[in-house]
Protein backbone atom coordinates (compact mmCIF):
# COMPACT_ATOMS: atom_id res chain seq x y z
CA MET A 1 -3.61 -37.18 -27.56
CA THR A 2 -6.81 -39.01 -26.60
CA ARG A 3 -9.52 -37.80 -24.21
CA ASN A 4 -12.79 -39.67 -23.48
CA GLY A 5 -12.11 -41.94 -26.42
CA ILE A 6 -11.66 -39.04 -28.87
CA ALA A 7 -8.37 -38.60 -30.69
CA LEU A 8 -7.46 -34.94 -30.45
CA PRO A 9 -5.24 -33.17 -32.98
CA ASP A 10 -1.74 -31.94 -32.19
CA GLY A 11 -1.72 -28.60 -30.47
CA TYR A 12 -5.25 -29.01 -29.12
CA SER A 13 -4.30 -28.07 -25.54
CA GLU A 14 -2.61 -24.86 -26.68
CA PHE A 15 -5.58 -24.02 -28.91
CA LEU A 16 -8.03 -24.59 -26.03
CA ARG A 17 -5.93 -22.44 -23.72
CA ASP A 18 -5.96 -19.62 -26.27
CA LEU A 19 -9.75 -19.78 -26.63
CA LYS A 20 -10.21 -19.77 -22.84
CA GLN A 21 -8.05 -16.67 -22.59
CA ARG A 22 -10.09 -14.93 -25.28
CA VAL A 23 -13.34 -15.70 -23.46
CA THR A 24 -11.86 -14.50 -20.16
CA ASN A 25 -10.63 -11.25 -21.74
CA ALA A 26 -13.98 -10.64 -23.41
CA ARG A 27 -15.87 -11.21 -20.16
CA SER A 28 -13.57 -8.85 -18.29
CA GLN A 29 -14.01 -6.22 -20.98
CA ALA A 30 -17.79 -6.67 -20.88
CA GLN A 31 -17.79 -6.25 -17.09
CA ARG A 32 -15.74 -3.07 -17.36
CA THR A 33 -18.08 -1.74 -20.03
CA VAL A 34 -21.17 -2.53 -17.97
CA ASN A 35 -19.63 -0.89 -14.90
CA THR A 36 -18.74 2.23 -16.88
CA GLN A 37 -22.26 2.52 -18.23
CA LEU A 38 -23.73 2.01 -14.75
CA ILE A 39 -21.53 4.70 -13.18
CA GLU A 40 -22.38 7.08 -16.00
CA LEU A 41 -26.10 6.38 -15.46
CA TYR A 42 -25.90 6.89 -11.69
CA TRP A 43 -24.02 10.16 -12.13
CA SER A 44 -26.55 11.45 -14.65
CA LEU A 45 -29.47 10.47 -12.41
CA GLY A 46 -27.78 12.19 -9.50
CA ARG A 47 -27.29 15.37 -11.51
CA ALA A 48 -30.92 15.37 -12.59
CA ILE A 49 -32.14 14.85 -9.01
CA LEU A 50 -29.81 17.53 -7.69
CA SER A 51 -30.96 20.02 -10.30
CA GLU A 52 -34.65 19.35 -9.70
CA GLN A 53 -34.27 19.55 -5.93
CA GLU A 54 -32.58 22.91 -6.20
CA LYS A 55 -35.45 24.23 -8.34
CA GLN A 56 -38.34 22.58 -6.50
CA GLY A 57 -37.06 22.30 -2.94
CA TRP A 58 -37.80 18.60 -2.64
CA GLY A 59 -37.97 16.95 0.77
CA ALA A 60 -37.31 13.38 1.83
CA GLY A 61 -40.89 12.38 1.05
CA VAL A 62 -40.47 13.11 -2.64
CA MET A 63 -37.27 11.03 -2.71
CA ASN A 64 -39.16 8.12 -1.13
CA ARG A 65 -41.86 8.31 -3.77
CA LEU A 66 -39.29 8.67 -6.57
CA ALA A 67 -37.52 5.50 -5.44
CA GLN A 68 -40.84 3.61 -5.29
CA ASP A 69 -41.89 4.73 -8.78
CA LEU A 70 -38.52 3.89 -10.33
CA ARG A 71 -38.40 0.43 -8.75
CA SER A 72 -41.96 -0.19 -9.90
CA GLU A 73 -40.99 0.69 -13.46
CA PHE A 74 -37.69 -1.23 -13.39
CA PRO A 75 -38.17 -4.11 -10.92
CA GLU A 76 -35.16 -5.99 -12.29
CA MET A 77 -32.77 -3.18 -11.24
CA THR A 78 -31.49 -3.47 -7.66
CA GLY A 79 -29.78 -0.08 -7.51
CA LEU A 80 -32.81 2.21 -7.44
CA SER A 81 -33.42 2.20 -3.68
CA ARG A 82 -34.01 5.38 -1.71
CA SER A 83 -30.56 5.19 -0.12
CA ASN A 84 -28.90 4.68 -3.49
CA LEU A 85 -30.69 7.71 -4.93
CA PHE A 86 -29.22 9.78 -2.11
CA TYR A 87 -25.78 8.36 -2.96
CA MET A 88 -26.32 9.31 -6.61
CA ARG A 89 -27.18 12.86 -5.61
CA ALA A 90 -24.10 13.07 -3.38
CA PHE A 91 -21.99 11.61 -6.20
CA ALA A 92 -23.15 14.32 -8.60
CA ALA A 93 -22.70 17.02 -5.97
CA SER A 94 -19.09 15.94 -5.35
CA TRP A 95 -17.99 15.55 -8.96
CA THR A 96 -19.60 18.57 -10.60
CA GLY A 97 -17.34 19.12 -13.61
CA GLU A 98 -18.66 19.12 -17.14
CA ALA A 99 -16.15 16.50 -18.31
CA PRO A 100 -17.78 13.06 -18.72
CA ILE A 101 -17.53 11.16 -15.45
CA VAL A 102 -16.07 8.11 -17.25
CA GLN A 103 -13.03 10.20 -18.19
CA GLN A 104 -12.25 10.79 -14.52
CA ALA A 105 -10.60 8.28 -12.19
CA VAL A 106 -13.75 7.85 -10.12
CA GLY A 107 -15.62 6.81 -13.27
CA GLN A 108 -13.41 3.70 -13.48
CA LEU A 109 -14.38 2.45 -10.02
CA PRO A 110 -17.19 0.10 -9.03
CA TRP A 111 -20.18 1.71 -7.35
CA GLY A 112 -19.29 0.17 -3.97
CA HIS A 113 -15.95 2.00 -4.04
CA ILE A 114 -17.68 5.29 -4.78
CA THR A 115 -20.08 4.91 -1.84
CA VAL A 116 -17.05 4.33 0.41
CA LEU A 117 -15.50 7.59 -0.82
CA LEU A 118 -18.76 9.41 -0.16
CA ASP A 119 -19.26 7.86 3.28
CA LYS A 120 -15.74 8.15 4.64
CA LEU A 121 -14.38 11.38 3.15
CA ASP A 122 -15.69 14.94 3.06
CA ASP A 123 -13.06 16.83 1.08
CA LEU A 124 -13.23 16.61 -2.73
CA THR A 125 -9.47 16.79 -3.22
CA THR A 126 -8.99 13.90 -0.80
CA ARG A 127 -11.73 11.88 -2.49
CA GLN A 128 -10.10 12.45 -5.87
CA TRP A 129 -6.70 11.32 -4.59
CA TYR A 130 -8.04 8.05 -3.18
CA ALA A 131 -10.17 7.49 -6.30
CA ALA A 132 -7.12 7.93 -8.54
CA GLU A 133 -4.99 5.58 -6.41
CA ALA A 134 -7.73 2.96 -6.25
CA ALA A 135 -8.22 3.06 -10.03
CA LYS A 136 -4.48 2.97 -10.76
CA ASN A 137 -3.66 0.17 -8.34
CA GLY A 138 -6.80 -1.94 -8.66
CA TRP A 139 -7.65 -1.68 -4.95
CA SER A 140 -10.53 -3.79 -3.75
CA ARG A 141 -13.23 -2.12 -1.68
CA ASN A 142 -11.70 -3.47 1.53
CA VAL A 143 -8.23 -2.24 0.57
CA LEU A 144 -9.67 1.21 -0.18
CA LEU A 145 -11.34 1.24 3.23
CA ASN A 146 -8.08 0.26 4.89
CA GLN A 147 -6.11 2.95 3.06
CA ILE A 148 -8.61 5.59 4.16
CA LYS A 149 -8.65 4.28 7.73
CA ASN A 150 -4.85 4.40 7.88
CA ARG A 151 -4.79 7.98 6.49
CA THR A 152 -2.47 7.02 3.65
CA LEU A 153 -2.71 10.41 1.94
CA GLU A 154 -1.91 12.33 5.10
CA ARG A 155 1.13 10.14 5.83
CA THR A 156 2.55 10.19 2.29
CA GLY A 157 5.58 12.47 2.01
CA ALA A 158 5.38 13.42 5.69
CA ALA A 159 8.72 12.01 6.90
CA PRO A 160 11.48 14.54 7.68
CA SER A 161 14.28 14.16 5.16
CA ASN A 162 17.26 15.85 3.50
CA PHE A 163 16.02 15.02 -0.01
CA ALA A 164 15.74 18.69 -1.02
CA ALA A 165 19.41 19.25 -0.11
CA GLU A 166 20.82 16.00 -1.53
CA LEU A 167 18.74 15.59 -4.71
CA ALA A 168 18.02 17.98 -7.56
CA ALA A 169 14.45 19.11 -8.15
CA PRO A 170 12.09 17.61 -9.19
CA ASP A 171 13.75 14.31 -8.18
CA SER A 172 13.78 15.42 -4.55
CA GLU A 173 10.01 15.94 -4.66
CA LEU A 174 9.49 12.48 -6.15
CA ALA A 175 11.70 10.87 -3.51
CA GLN A 176 9.78 12.63 -0.73
CA GLN A 177 6.55 11.04 -1.90
CA ILE A 178 7.77 7.50 -1.23
CA ALA A 179 8.49 8.15 2.47
CA LYS A 180 5.50 7.90 4.82
CA ASP A 181 5.26 8.87 8.46
CA PRO A 182 4.30 6.93 10.47
CA TYR A 183 4.21 3.45 8.95
CA VAL A 184 1.26 1.44 10.27
CA PHE A 185 1.96 -2.25 10.87
CA ASP A 186 -1.55 -3.30 11.83
CA PHE A 187 -1.86 -5.71 8.90
CA LEU A 188 -0.10 -8.44 10.93
CA GLU A 189 -3.43 -9.29 12.61
CA LEU A 190 -1.73 -11.03 15.52
CA SER A 191 -3.36 -11.99 18.84
CA GLY A 192 -2.36 -13.77 22.03
CA GLU A 193 1.16 -14.88 22.89
CA VAL A 194 3.32 -14.97 19.77
CA ALA A 195 6.58 -16.87 19.53
CA GLU A 196 9.40 -15.21 17.63
CA ARG A 197 9.38 -17.87 14.92
CA ASP A 198 5.62 -17.39 14.49
CA LEU A 199 6.07 -13.64 14.20
CA GLU A 200 8.74 -14.03 11.56
CA GLN A 201 6.53 -16.41 9.58
CA ALA A 202 3.62 -13.97 9.88
CA LEU A 203 5.75 -11.17 8.47
CA MET A 204 6.91 -13.32 5.58
CA ASP A 205 3.35 -14.46 4.87
CA ARG A 206 2.22 -10.85 4.75
CA ILE A 207 4.75 -9.45 2.30
CA VAL A 208 1.83 -8.19 0.20
CA GLY A 209 0.64 -6.18 3.19
CA THR A 210 4.15 -4.86 3.70
CA LEU A 211 4.40 -3.70 0.10
CA ARG A 212 0.95 -2.15 0.27
CA GLU A 213 1.88 -0.20 3.40
CA LEU A 214 5.12 1.04 1.83
CA GLY A 215 3.10 2.39 -1.10
CA THR A 216 2.66 2.12 -4.83
CA GLY A 217 5.62 1.04 -6.92
CA PHE A 218 7.72 -0.84 -4.34
CA ALA A 219 9.18 -4.20 -5.35
CA PHE A 220 10.94 -6.41 -2.79
CA VAL A 221 14.61 -7.12 -3.60
CA GLY A 222 15.99 -8.74 -0.48
CA ARG A 223 16.30 -9.04 3.30
CA GLN A 224 19.63 -8.98 5.14
CA VAL A 225 21.33 -8.15 1.84
CA HIS A 226 25.04 -8.97 2.12
CA PHE A 227 27.92 -6.74 1.01
CA ASP A 228 31.60 -7.66 1.25
CA VAL A 229 33.72 -4.52 1.61
CA ALA A 230 37.38 -5.56 1.38
CA GLY A 231 36.74 -8.50 3.68
CA ASP A 232 34.32 -6.75 6.03
CA ASP A 233 30.75 -8.11 6.00
CA PHE A 234 27.72 -5.83 6.10
CA TYR A 235 24.03 -6.69 5.96
CA LEU A 236 21.36 -4.11 5.22
CA ASP A 237 17.93 -4.86 6.62
CA LEU A 238 15.59 -4.49 3.65
CA LEU A 239 16.18 -3.52 0.05
CA PHE A 240 13.42 -2.48 -2.35
CA PHE A 241 13.30 -1.13 -5.87
CA HIS A 242 10.77 1.55 -6.79
CA VAL A 243 9.68 0.63 -10.30
CA ASP A 244 7.99 3.96 -11.06
CA GLN A 245 10.94 6.09 -10.00
CA LEU A 246 13.62 3.57 -11.07
CA ARG A 247 15.56 3.78 -7.83
CA TYR A 248 16.71 1.49 -5.03
CA VAL A 249 15.28 2.19 -1.58
CA VAL A 250 17.24 1.01 1.46
CA ILE A 251 15.12 0.54 4.59
CA GLU A 252 16.63 0.15 8.04
CA LEU A 253 14.53 -0.68 11.12
CA LYS A 254 15.70 0.51 14.55
CA THR A 255 13.98 0.05 17.90
CA GLY A 256 13.55 2.87 20.35
CA LYS A 257 14.35 6.51 19.68
CA PHE A 258 16.36 7.84 16.73
CA GLN A 259 20.08 8.27 17.40
CA PRO A 260 22.39 10.42 15.20
CA GLU A 261 24.71 7.49 14.48
CA TYR A 262 21.85 5.68 12.74
CA ALA A 263 22.03 8.24 9.93
CA GLY A 264 25.71 7.45 9.37
CA LYS A 265 25.06 3.72 9.05
CA LEU A 266 22.14 4.23 6.70
CA GLY A 267 24.16 6.66 4.58
CA PHE A 268 26.88 4.02 4.34
CA TYR A 269 24.37 1.47 3.02
CA VAL A 270 22.93 3.97 0.54
CA SER A 271 26.44 4.59 -0.80
CA LEU A 272 27.07 0.85 -1.09
CA VAL A 273 23.90 0.25 -3.09
CA ASP A 274 24.63 3.25 -5.28
CA ASP A 275 28.11 1.93 -6.02
CA ARG A 276 27.40 -1.80 -6.33
CA LEU A 277 23.85 -2.08 -7.70
CA ARG A 278 22.69 1.19 -9.22
CA ARG A 279 22.86 1.43 -13.00
CA GLU A 280 23.21 4.47 -15.23
CA ALA A 281 19.48 4.65 -15.98
CA HIS A 282 18.54 4.54 -12.29
CA ALA A 283 17.73 7.53 -10.12
CA PRO A 284 19.89 8.02 -7.00
CA THR A 285 19.34 5.50 -4.20
CA VAL A 286 17.54 6.79 -1.11
CA GLY A 287 17.36 5.49 2.43
CA ILE A 288 14.46 5.37 4.89
CA LEU A 289 15.12 4.75 8.57
CA ILE A 290 12.03 3.47 10.40
CA CYS A 291 12.35 3.82 14.18
CA GLY A 292 10.10 3.70 17.21
CA ASP A 293 10.37 7.42 18.04
CA ARG A 294 12.36 10.51 17.11
CA ASN A 295 13.24 14.04 18.12
CA ASP A 296 12.79 16.13 14.99
CA HIS A 297 15.52 18.58 16.04
CA THR A 298 18.01 15.74 16.41
CA VAL A 299 16.95 14.34 13.04
CA ARG A 300 17.44 17.72 11.36
CA TYR A 301 21.00 18.04 12.68
CA ALA A 302 21.85 14.42 11.82
CA LEU A 303 20.61 14.70 8.25
CA GLY A 304 21.98 18.21 7.65
CA ARG A 305 25.47 17.04 6.67
CA ALA A 306 24.73 13.38 6.01
CA GLY A 307 25.77 13.45 2.35
CA SER A 308 23.23 10.81 1.28
CA PRO A 309 19.49 11.28 0.59
CA MET A 310 17.61 9.91 3.61
CA ALA A 311 14.32 10.19 5.50
CA VAL A 312 13.49 9.23 9.07
CA SER A 313 10.05 7.76 9.79
CA THR A 314 8.37 6.13 12.76
CA TYR A 315 6.14 3.09 13.00
CA THR A 316 2.97 2.47 14.97
CA TYR A 317 0.14 0.05 15.61
CA GLU A 318 -2.23 2.88 16.48
CA SER A 319 -4.93 2.08 13.97
CA LEU A 320 -5.65 -1.16 15.85
CA PRO A 321 -8.27 -1.36 18.60
CA ALA A 322 -6.78 -0.99 22.09
CA ALA A 323 -7.37 -4.66 23.00
CA GLU A 324 -5.41 -5.85 19.97
CA LYS A 325 -2.56 -3.40 20.52
CA GLN A 326 -1.89 -4.94 23.94
CA VAL A 327 -1.08 -8.38 22.50
CA LEU A 328 1.20 -7.18 19.70
CA PRO A 329 4.94 -7.76 20.12
CA ASP A 330 6.99 -4.69 20.96
CA ALA A 331 9.72 -3.26 18.74
CA ASP A 332 12.46 -5.33 20.40
CA GLU A 333 10.60 -8.57 19.70
CA LEU A 334 9.97 -7.51 16.11
CA THR A 335 13.65 -6.82 15.56
CA ALA A 336 14.80 -10.02 17.27
CA ALA A 337 12.42 -12.16 15.24
CA LEU A 338 13.82 -10.82 12.00
CA GLY A 339 17.43 -11.17 13.11
CA TRP A 340 18.12 -7.43 13.06
CA ASP A 341 20.97 -6.23 15.28
CA THR A 342 19.75 -3.37 17.50
CA GLU A 343 23.31 -2.41 18.40
CA GLU A 344 24.33 -1.51 14.87
């Protein structure tokens, strides 16, 4: 191998690739270490400020002067502004435990993520949940904002289901946590008149958004998955596998209001997947029906004797501004564009 007139030894490309990976890993580790030290510093400064304010009764004027003096002493540091000192104090006031902050989920997040948690959420338990999810899933700051805006915590596990009756505890509790209500499809970011083919392409292009909205652990298996049952053809809408719970999740989309017969069809698909695809190590397959609307009393009766673990959720575009909602396709257009049969 020759490059720029220099004869390179065998295996040079592989050797260079290995060195590049080592440098990349070291830089990533260094960035994580620097971030951890910075968060630990900010938390300790916040605790000190909080303690002194409680003893001395500081006002805003003292905080202004403190920020000026610190920036004068450390001009190279950009994080010692008055507003950031207030964030540090709020940070320390929210996470008050004696355990080192770096041992908590929030201690693994960048400072920008932490300010979002402080700005957008008031309850400590809620802040801790979003901090843990952001750290575990590597959410960017914008993704964290979107998850908070869409009330992901409040919607998780909220769908009515028969999981408690059809699955043994604690598996029923785990299954409940993967069913949201409602699902928010605002990630399509559509505007103006949309042709069906354009809508379908938009949905395919945004599979990452779809998986994010479904929740942590979902992996896409297939769309319009075909089953041959003694010569009869059946196609289930969407099939996912939940890698944390080791179970298949069948998702059916129906327009309009929930009808009892939908539960029978979904139960049939759940049984098919359980029989044809599920392996011994897998948890029982569950089904989630996502429809435009539902009567909870009707759902309860329909799921009461269904025989398969299922949940019934709704979908919405409600987190979008009103002007954008008006140009989104309705449920019938969504179903038609994906080739789903509304009469099934």
